[in-house]
Amino acid sequence: MVETLKKYIPERAAPPVFELIKEHGVYLKIVNERLTRHGDYRILPDGQHQITVNVSLNKYRFLVTLVHEIAHLVAFKKYGRRIKPHGKEWKHTFQHLMLPFIRPEIFPQDLLPYLARHFKNPKASSDTDAHLSVALKMYDPPSDKNYIFEIPTGSTFRIQNGKIFQKGSKRVKRYECVEVATGKVYLFQPNAEVEHLK
């Protein structure tokens, strides 16, 4: 199992992650890419704790996602199922579980400041933290996609489902974009990945 983990996460992280998996009875399933999530945790009908993580993630995002999901399991065991999925109990658990991994032997030096800042108050997804998301993306294979914040205001772009939008101005943290076909206004995170058209 440790050797298998080394294919998906940084080598030095594999033994302690394996210990977490063993300790908490995790059934880890590596799945094809899902557009809406990097991973998830659920209790199966037989009581088994299943965690799924997308196979397409780079090894640093995979590690953060896996520990994120293990934190759900540990928080529910410790505090009960009535807690909020990304409430203070989960945040505290995630910080505690992730702390031993935020080291230069595991993560590249350039990611450490983003991780340190993120884990002061972890978000529901690493994608919600635009700075961390962009930093982690540097370790993805090359892509023809752009981030919303990179494309000029007024230009058009296509999202995963084929819908086409025109980029508008920034409203606090997100961008107001108009769906070309309907004229409806949607808000996009600055780090949303899109196909720039013109």
Protein backbone atom coordinates (compact mmCIF):
# COMPACT_ATOMS: atom_id res chain seq x y z
CA MET A 1 0.00 0.00 0.00
CA VAL A 2 2.86 2.44 0.80
CA GLU A 3 4.37 1.79 -2.64
CA THR A 4 0.99 2.43 -4.28
CA LEU A 5 0.57 5.68 -2.34
CA LYS A 6 3.98 6.88 -3.60
CA LYS A 7 2.53 7.00 -7.12
CA TYR A 8 -0.02 9.61 -6.02
CA ILE A 9 1.52 11.64 -3.18
CA PRO A 10 5.04 12.86 -2.29
CA GLU A 11 7.24 9.90 -1.38
CA ARG A 12 8.04 11.09 2.16
CA ALA A 13 4.32 11.52 2.90
CA ALA A 14 3.41 7.91 1.99
CA PRO A 15 4.34 6.12 5.29
CA PRO A 16 2.54 8.58 7.62
CA VAL A 17 -0.49 8.72 5.30
CA PHE A 18 -0.61 4.92 5.29
CA GLU A 19 -0.63 5.02 9.11
CA LEU A 20 -3.61 7.42 9.04
CA ILE A 21 -5.45 5.14 6.58
CA LYS A 22 -4.77 2.09 8.79
CA GLU A 23 -5.62 3.84 12.06
CA HIS A 24 -8.98 5.08 10.81
CA GLY A 25 -9.97 2.05 8.70
CA VAL A 26 -10.15 4.00 5.44
CA TYR A 27 -11.16 2.28 2.22
CA LEU A 28 -9.34 4.49 -0.31
CA LYS A 29 -10.67 4.50 -3.84
CA ILE A 30 -8.87 6.41 -6.60
CA VAL A 31 -11.42 7.44 -9.22
CA ASN A 32 -11.62 9.10 -12.63
CA GLU A 33 -11.77 12.88 -12.63
CA ARG A 34 -14.99 14.49 -11.42
CA LEU A 35 -15.49 18.12 -12.35
CA THR A 36 -17.33 19.13 -9.20
CA ARG A 37 -14.96 17.76 -6.55
CA HIS A 38 -11.42 16.54 -5.93
CA GLY A 39 -12.47 13.95 -3.36
CA ASP A 40 -15.17 12.87 -0.94
CA TYR A 41 -15.82 10.89 2.22
CA ARG A 42 -18.82 8.72 3.00
CA ILE A 43 -19.86 5.90 5.27
CA LEU A 44 -20.95 2.90 3.22
CA PRO A 45 -24.04 0.84 4.19
CA ASP A 46 -21.74 -1.79 5.76
CA GLY A 47 -20.20 0.90 8.02
CA GLN A 48 -16.93 1.11 6.08
CA HIS A 49 -15.29 4.55 5.73
CA GLN A 50 -14.78 5.21 2.01
CA ILE A 51 -12.68 8.07 0.68
CA THR A 52 -12.45 8.74 -3.03
CA VAL A 53 -9.83 10.99 -4.64
CA ASN A 54 -9.52 11.96 -8.30
CA VAL A 55 -6.69 10.17 -10.11
CA SER A 56 -5.93 13.31 -12.16
CA LEU A 57 -4.66 15.43 -9.22
CA ASN A 58 -0.98 16.31 -8.97
CA LYS A 59 0.73 14.71 -5.96
CA TYR A 60 0.56 17.83 -3.77
CA ARG A 61 -3.13 18.49 -4.41
CA PHE A 62 -3.81 14.74 -3.98
CA LEU A 63 -2.16 14.81 -0.53
CA VAL A 64 -4.10 17.91 0.61
CA THR A 65 -7.36 16.39 -0.70
CA LEU A 66 -6.77 13.01 0.94
CA VAL A 67 -5.97 14.55 4.34
CA HIS A 68 -8.99 16.89 3.92
CA GLU A 69 -11.25 13.84 3.54
CA ILE A 70 -9.60 11.92 6.40
CA ALA A 71 -10.25 15.03 8.54
CA HIS A 72 -14.00 14.64 7.85
CA LEU A 73 -13.89 11.04 9.08
CA VAL A 74 -11.84 11.91 12.21
CA ALA A 75 -14.00 14.96 13.05
CA PHE A 76 -17.24 12.96 12.73
CA LYS A 77 -15.80 10.17 14.92
CA LYS A 78 -14.62 12.63 17.57
CA TYR A 79 -17.47 15.18 17.60
CA GLY A 80 -20.44 13.26 16.18
CA ARG A 81 -22.35 13.52 12.90
CA ARG A 82 -24.22 16.72 13.82
CA ILE A 83 -21.23 19.02 13.21
CA LYS A 84 -21.08 21.19 10.09
CA PRO A 85 -19.04 19.45 7.35
CA HIS A 86 -16.55 22.37 7.17
CA GLY A 87 -17.18 23.86 10.59
CA LYS A 88 -14.72 24.65 13.37
CA GLU A 89 -14.35 21.01 14.47
CA TRP A 90 -13.36 19.92 10.95
CA LYS A 91 -11.02 22.92 10.52
CA HIS A 92 -9.25 22.13 13.78
CA THR A 93 -8.96 18.43 12.83
CA PHE A 94 -7.69 19.25 9.32
CA GLN A 95 -5.06 21.64 10.72
CA HIS A 96 -3.92 19.03 13.25
CA LEU A 97 -3.68 16.22 10.64
CA MET A 98 -1.99 18.40 8.00
CA LEU A 99 0.63 20.06 10.22
CA PRO A 100 3.17 17.18 10.09
CA PHE A 101 3.14 17.32 6.27
CA ILE A 102 3.82 21.05 5.81
CA ARG A 103 7.58 20.57 5.57
CA PRO A 104 10.19 21.10 2.83
CA GLU A 105 10.85 17.33 2.64
CA ILE A 106 7.26 16.88 1.42
CA PHE A 107 6.19 20.11 -0.33
CA PRO A 108 8.33 22.30 -2.59
CA GLN A 109 9.66 25.45 -0.90
CA ASP A 110 7.51 27.73 -3.08
CA LEU A 111 4.25 26.06 -1.90
CA LEU A 112 5.00 26.24 1.84
CA PRO A 113 3.98 29.91 2.40
CA TYR A 114 0.64 29.33 0.59
CA LEU A 115 -0.03 26.20 2.64
CA ALA A 116 0.92 27.92 5.90
CA ARG A 117 -1.48 30.77 5.15
CA HIS A 118 -4.28 28.42 4.02
CA PHE A 119 -4.06 26.29 7.16
CA LYS A 120 -4.49 29.25 9.50
CA ASN A 121 -8.17 28.97 8.54
CA PRO A 122 -8.72 26.12 6.03
CA LYS A 123 -11.47 26.53 3.45
CA ALA A 124 -13.99 23.93 2.28
CA SER A 125 -11.82 23.37 -0.80
CA SER A 126 -8.26 24.27 -1.76
CA ASP A 127 -9.85 25.75 -4.91
CA THR A 128 -11.71 28.33 -2.80
CA ASP A 129 -8.31 29.72 -1.78
CA ALA A 130 -7.33 31.31 -5.11
CA HIS A 131 -3.68 31.86 -4.12
CA LEU A 132 -3.16 28.23 -3.04
CA SER A 133 -5.08 26.93 -6.05
CA VAL A 134 -2.89 28.86 -8.50
CA ALA A 135 0.29 27.77 -6.67
CA LEU A 136 -0.78 24.09 -6.75
CA LYS A 137 -1.69 24.35 -10.45
CA MET A 138 1.97 25.07 -11.26
CA TYR A 139 2.54 21.34 -10.63
CA ASP A 140 -0.20 20.19 -13.03
CA PRO A 141 0.68 18.99 -16.53
CA PRO A 142 0.52 21.79 -19.15
CA SER A 143 -3.02 22.79 -20.10
CA ASP A 144 -4.72 24.99 -22.70
CA LYS A 145 -7.00 26.44 -20.01
CA ASN A 146 -6.72 29.92 -18.49
CA TYR A 147 -7.83 31.33 -15.19
CA ILE A 148 -10.57 33.96 -15.34
CA PHE A 149 -8.27 36.54 -13.75
CA GLU A 150 -5.75 36.05 -16.60
CA ILE A 151 -8.10 36.89 -19.47
CA PRO A 152 -8.98 40.48 -20.46
CA THR A 153 -12.24 42.09 -19.35
CA GLY A 154 -14.78 41.93 -22.18
CA SER A 155 -13.35 38.77 -23.73
CA THR A 156 -15.36 35.57 -24.12
CA PHE A 157 -14.65 32.16 -22.65
CA ARG A 158 -16.16 28.69 -22.57
CA ILE A 159 -16.62 26.61 -19.42
CA GLN A 160 -16.55 22.81 -19.08
CA ASN A 161 -20.26 22.34 -19.93
CA GLY A 162 -19.88 24.27 -23.22
CA LYS A 163 -21.63 27.48 -22.12
CA ILE A 164 -20.04 30.71 -23.33
CA PHE A 165 -19.62 33.84 -21.18
CA GLN A 166 -18.28 37.35 -21.48
CA LYS A 167 -16.00 38.46 -18.66
CA GLY A 168 -17.19 41.52 -16.75
CA SER A 169 -15.73 43.50 -13.88
CA LYS A 170 -14.58 42.24 -10.51
CA ARG A 171 -17.10 42.47 -7.69
CA VAL A 172 -15.24 42.21 -4.36
CA LYS A 173 -13.51 38.84 -4.92
CA ARG A 174 -15.36 37.32 -7.88
CA TYR A 175 -15.93 38.31 -11.49
CA GLU A 176 -19.35 39.16 -12.90
CA CYS A 177 -19.72 37.34 -16.22
CA VAL A 178 -22.66 37.32 -18.63
CA GLU A 179 -23.80 34.11 -20.28
CA VAL A 180 -23.87 35.03 -23.99
CA ALA A 181 -26.91 32.88 -24.90
CA THR A 182 -29.21 34.04 -22.07
CA GLY A 183 -27.85 37.38 -20.81
CA LYS A 184 -27.87 35.99 -17.25
CA VAL A 185 -25.13 37.23 -14.90
CA TYR A 186 -23.00 34.69 -13.01
CA LEU A 187 -20.19 35.17 -10.50
CA PHE A 188 -16.91 33.31 -11.08
CA GLN A 189 -13.99 32.73 -8.72
CA PRO A 190 -10.80 34.37 -10.11
CA ASN A 191 -9.14 30.95 -10.31
CA ALA A 192 -11.94 29.26 -12.29
CA GLU A 193 -10.35 27.45 -15.26
CA VAL A 194 -11.86 28.37 -18.62
CA GLU A 195 -11.14 28.17 -22.33
CA HIS A 196 -10.36 31.68 -23.57
CA LEU A 197 -12.08 32.29 -26.93
CA LYS A 198 -11.38 35.94 -27.87
